[in-house]
N, C-alpha and C. Protein backbone atom coordinates (compact mmCIF):
# COMPACT_ATOMS: atom_id res chain seq x y z
N UNK A 1 13.94 -10.67 -5.50
CA UNK A 1 12.84 -9.97 -4.87
C UNK A 1 12.93 -10.19 -3.37
N UNK A 2 13.44 -9.20 -2.66
CA UNK A 2 13.62 -9.34 -1.22
C UNK A 2 12.47 -8.74 -0.44
N UNK A 3 12.52 -8.99 0.84
CA UNK A 3 11.50 -8.43 1.72
C UNK A 3 11.78 -6.96 1.96
N UNK A 4 10.72 -6.19 2.02
CA UNK A 4 10.84 -4.80 2.42
C UNK A 4 10.59 -4.72 3.92
N UNK A 5 10.96 -3.61 4.51
CA UNK A 5 10.81 -3.45 5.96
C UNK A 5 9.35 -3.57 6.38
N UNK A 6 8.45 -3.01 5.59
CA UNK A 6 7.04 -3.07 5.97
C UNK A 6 6.48 -4.48 5.88
N UNK A 7 7.05 -5.28 5.00
CA UNK A 7 6.59 -6.66 4.89
C UNK A 7 7.01 -7.48 6.11
N UNK A 8 8.20 -7.23 6.60
CA UNK A 8 8.66 -7.90 7.81
C UNK A 8 7.78 -7.50 9.00
N UNK A 9 7.42 -6.22 9.07
CA UNK A 9 6.53 -5.75 10.13
C UNK A 9 5.15 -6.39 10.02
N UNK A 10 4.67 -6.57 8.80
CA UNK A 10 3.38 -7.24 8.60
C UNK A 10 3.45 -8.67 9.08
N UNK A 11 4.52 -9.37 8.76
CA UNK A 11 4.67 -10.76 9.20
C UNK A 11 4.71 -10.84 10.71
N UNK A 12 5.45 -9.93 11.34
CA UNK A 12 5.50 -9.93 12.82
C UNK A 12 4.14 -9.63 13.43
N UNK A 13 3.41 -8.68 12.83
CA UNK A 13 2.07 -8.36 13.33
C UNK A 13 1.12 -9.53 13.22
N UNK A 14 1.17 -10.22 12.10
CA UNK A 14 0.31 -11.39 11.90
C UNK A 14 0.71 -12.51 12.86
N UNK A 15 2.01 -12.66 13.11
CA UNK A 15 2.48 -13.66 14.06
C UNK A 15 1.94 -13.38 15.46
N UNK A 16 1.98 -12.12 15.87
CA UNK A 16 1.43 -11.75 17.18
C UNK A 16 -0.08 -11.94 17.23
N UNK A 17 -0.77 -11.69 16.13
CA UNK A 17 -2.21 -11.95 16.06
C UNK A 17 -2.48 -13.43 16.27
N UNK A 18 -1.69 -14.27 15.61
CA UNK A 18 -1.86 -15.71 15.74
C UNK A 18 -1.60 -16.16 17.18
N UNK A 19 -0.56 -15.63 17.80
CA UNK A 19 -0.26 -15.98 19.19
C UNK A 19 -1.38 -15.53 20.11
N UNK A 20 -1.96 -14.37 19.81
CA UNK A 20 -3.07 -13.87 20.62
C UNK A 20 -4.34 -14.70 20.47
N UNK A 21 -4.52 -15.34 19.33
CA UNK A 21 -5.70 -16.17 19.10
C UNK A 21 -5.57 -17.57 19.70
N UNK A 22 -4.36 -18.02 19.98
CA UNK A 22 -4.14 -19.38 20.45
C UNK A 22 -4.91 -19.74 21.73
N UNK A 23 -5.02 -18.87 22.73
CA UNK A 23 -5.78 -19.26 23.93
C UNK A 23 -7.29 -19.42 23.70
N UNK A 24 -7.79 -18.84 22.64
CA UNK A 24 -9.23 -18.83 22.42
C UNK A 24 -9.72 -19.88 21.42
N UNK A 25 -8.80 -20.45 20.64
CA UNK A 25 -9.21 -21.43 19.63
C UNK A 25 -8.08 -22.41 19.37
N UNK A 26 -8.38 -23.41 18.58
CA UNK A 26 -7.39 -24.43 18.25
C UNK A 26 -6.27 -23.81 17.40
N UNK A 27 -5.04 -24.29 17.57
CA UNK A 27 -3.93 -23.72 16.82
C UNK A 27 -4.12 -23.77 15.30
N UNK A 28 -4.79 -24.80 14.80
CA UNK A 28 -5.01 -24.90 13.35
C UNK A 28 -5.84 -23.72 12.86
N UNK A 29 -6.90 -23.39 13.59
CA UNK A 29 -7.75 -22.27 13.18
C UNK A 29 -7.02 -20.94 13.30
N UNK A 30 -6.20 -20.78 14.32
CA UNK A 30 -5.42 -19.55 14.48
C UNK A 30 -4.45 -19.38 13.32
N UNK A 31 -3.82 -20.47 12.90
CA UNK A 31 -2.89 -20.41 11.78
C UNK A 31 -3.63 -20.08 10.48
N UNK A 32 -4.79 -20.68 10.27
CA UNK A 32 -5.58 -20.39 9.07
C UNK A 32 -6.00 -18.92 9.03
N UNK A 33 -6.47 -18.40 10.16
CA UNK A 33 -6.87 -16.99 10.22
C UNK A 33 -5.68 -16.08 9.95
N UNK A 34 -4.52 -16.42 10.50
CA UNK A 34 -3.31 -15.61 10.28
C UNK A 34 -2.90 -15.62 8.82
N UNK A 35 -2.96 -16.76 8.18
CA UNK A 35 -2.59 -16.85 6.76
C UNK A 35 -3.56 -16.06 5.90
N UNK A 36 -4.85 -16.19 6.17
CA UNK A 36 -5.86 -15.43 5.40
C UNK A 36 -5.67 -13.93 5.61
N UNK A 37 -5.40 -13.51 6.84
CA UNK A 37 -5.19 -12.09 7.13
C UNK A 37 -3.96 -11.57 6.39
N UNK A 38 -2.87 -12.36 6.38
CA UNK A 38 -1.65 -11.94 5.70
C UNK A 38 -1.90 -11.72 4.20
N UNK A 39 -2.49 -12.71 3.54
CA UNK A 39 -2.71 -12.58 2.11
C UNK A 39 -3.77 -11.52 1.80
N UNK A 40 -4.77 -11.37 2.67
CA UNK A 40 -5.77 -10.32 2.47
C UNK A 40 -5.15 -8.94 2.53
N UNK A 41 -4.31 -8.68 3.52
CA UNK A 41 -3.64 -7.39 3.63
C UNK A 41 -2.67 -7.20 2.47
N UNK A 42 -1.96 -8.25 2.10
CA UNK A 42 -1.00 -8.18 1.01
C UNK A 42 -1.70 -7.80 -0.31
N UNK A 43 -2.82 -8.40 -0.60
CA UNK A 43 -3.58 -8.10 -1.82
C UNK A 43 -4.13 -6.68 -1.76
N UNK A 44 -4.68 -6.28 -0.61
CA UNK A 44 -5.23 -4.94 -0.45
C UNK A 44 -4.17 -3.88 -0.69
N UNK A 45 -2.99 -4.06 -0.11
CA UNK A 45 -1.91 -3.08 -0.27
C UNK A 45 -1.44 -3.04 -1.72
N UNK A 46 -1.34 -4.19 -2.37
CA UNK A 46 -0.92 -4.22 -3.77
C UNK A 46 -1.89 -3.48 -4.68
N UNK A 47 -3.18 -3.70 -4.47
CA UNK A 47 -4.19 -3.01 -5.29
C UNK A 47 -4.18 -1.52 -5.03
N UNK A 48 -4.04 -1.13 -3.76
CA UNK A 48 -4.01 0.29 -3.40
C UNK A 48 -2.79 0.98 -4.01
N UNK A 49 -1.66 0.28 -4.02
CA UNK A 49 -0.45 0.82 -4.61
C UNK A 49 -0.65 1.08 -6.10
N UNK A 50 -1.26 0.13 -6.81
CA UNK A 50 -1.53 0.30 -8.23
C UNK A 50 -2.48 1.46 -8.48
N UNK A 51 -3.49 1.60 -7.61
CA UNK A 51 -4.46 2.68 -7.75
C UNK A 51 -3.79 4.04 -7.57
N UNK A 52 -2.92 4.16 -6.58
CA UNK A 52 -2.21 5.42 -6.35
C UNK A 52 -1.27 5.72 -7.51
N UNK A 53 -0.56 4.71 -7.98
CA UNK A 53 0.36 4.91 -9.11
C UNK A 53 -0.39 5.36 -10.35
N UNK A 54 -1.57 4.81 -10.57
CA UNK A 54 -2.39 5.19 -11.73
C UNK A 54 -2.88 6.63 -11.57
N UNK A 55 -3.24 7.02 -10.36
CA UNK A 55 -3.75 8.37 -10.13
C UNK A 55 -2.66 9.43 -10.26
N UNK A 56 -1.46 9.08 -9.86
CA UNK A 56 -0.35 10.04 -9.93
C UNK A 56 0.13 10.21 -11.36
N UNK A 57 0.21 9.13 -12.08
CA UNK A 57 0.65 9.20 -13.48
C UNK A 57 2.13 9.54 -13.58
N UNK A 58 2.44 10.65 -14.25
CA UNK A 58 3.84 11.05 -14.45
C UNK A 58 4.42 11.73 -13.23
N UNK A 59 3.59 12.21 -12.35
CA UNK A 59 4.09 12.89 -11.15
C UNK A 59 3.14 13.99 -10.71
N UNK A 60 3.58 14.71 -9.69
CA UNK A 60 2.80 15.80 -9.14
C UNK A 60 3.65 17.06 -9.14
N UNK A 61 3.06 18.19 -9.48
CA UNK A 61 3.76 19.47 -9.51
C UNK A 61 4.16 19.87 -8.08
N UNK A 62 5.40 20.29 -7.92
CA UNK A 62 5.90 20.68 -6.60
C UNK A 62 5.35 22.03 -6.16
N UNK A 63 4.88 22.84 -7.07
CA UNK A 63 4.39 24.18 -6.73
C UNK A 63 2.91 24.16 -6.35
N UNK A 64 2.07 23.60 -7.23
CA UNK A 64 0.63 23.67 -6.98
C UNK A 64 0.01 22.33 -6.60
N UNK A 65 0.71 21.22 -6.84
CA UNK A 65 0.18 19.91 -6.47
C UNK A 65 -0.71 19.27 -7.52
N UNK A 66 -0.78 19.86 -8.71
CA UNK A 66 -1.60 19.30 -9.78
C UNK A 66 -0.87 18.13 -10.43
N UNK A 67 -1.62 17.29 -11.11
CA UNK A 67 -1.06 16.13 -11.81
C UNK A 67 -0.33 16.59 -13.07
N UNK A 68 0.86 16.10 -13.30
CA UNK A 68 1.66 16.47 -14.47
C UNK A 68 1.20 15.65 -15.67
N UNK A 69 0.95 16.34 -16.77
CA UNK A 69 0.50 15.70 -18.01
C UNK A 69 1.48 16.10 -19.11
N UNK A 70 2.06 15.13 -19.80
CA UNK A 70 3.03 15.34 -20.88
C UNK A 70 4.19 16.22 -20.42
N UNK A 71 4.72 15.93 -19.26
CA UNK A 71 5.86 16.62 -18.65
C UNK A 71 5.61 18.11 -18.40
N UNK A 72 4.36 18.51 -18.29
CA UNK A 72 4.02 19.91 -18.01
C UNK A 72 2.88 19.96 -17.01
N UNK A 73 2.93 20.96 -16.16
CA UNK A 73 1.84 21.19 -15.21
C UNK A 73 0.79 22.06 -15.89
N UNK A 74 -0.45 21.57 -15.98
CA UNK A 74 -1.47 22.37 -16.68
C UNK A 74 -1.77 23.69 -15.98
N UNK A 75 -1.65 23.76 -14.69
CA UNK A 75 -1.96 24.98 -13.95
C UNK A 75 -0.82 25.99 -14.03
N UNK A 76 0.38 25.58 -13.69
CA UNK A 76 1.52 26.50 -13.63
C UNK A 76 1.96 26.94 -15.02
N UNK A 77 2.03 26.04 -15.99
CA UNK A 77 2.46 26.40 -17.34
C UNK A 77 1.43 27.29 -18.02
N UNK A 78 0.17 27.15 -17.66
CA UNK A 78 -0.88 27.99 -18.24
C UNK A 78 -0.73 29.43 -17.77
N UNK A 79 -0.39 29.63 -16.49
CA UNK A 79 -0.25 30.99 -15.97
C UNK A 79 1.01 31.65 -16.50
N UNK A 80 2.07 30.87 -16.82
CA UNK A 80 3.29 31.45 -17.36
C UNK A 80 3.11 31.95 -18.79
N UNK A 81 2.34 31.23 -19.57
CA UNK A 81 2.15 31.60 -20.97
C UNK A 81 1.08 32.67 -21.15
N UNK A 82 0.15 32.75 -20.18
CA UNK A 82 -0.99 33.65 -20.34
C UNK A 82 -0.79 35.02 -19.88
């Protein structure tokens, strides 16, 4: 399980956030805030990914954009048969 490009960007962003907080507070608090922000964003993105995957299901029709059910588009296949 390797890092993806967006994960490396997230780590760099959190690192810059931590560096930006250092002049205003103790380094321990800046590190704690950075760690909490990293895991908070990581959990949020994971849940959002699952939600999108659940909503898409088997896929999306390239013609009308409807959700594909049982390998058929309910909108396009209905107009072909009717």
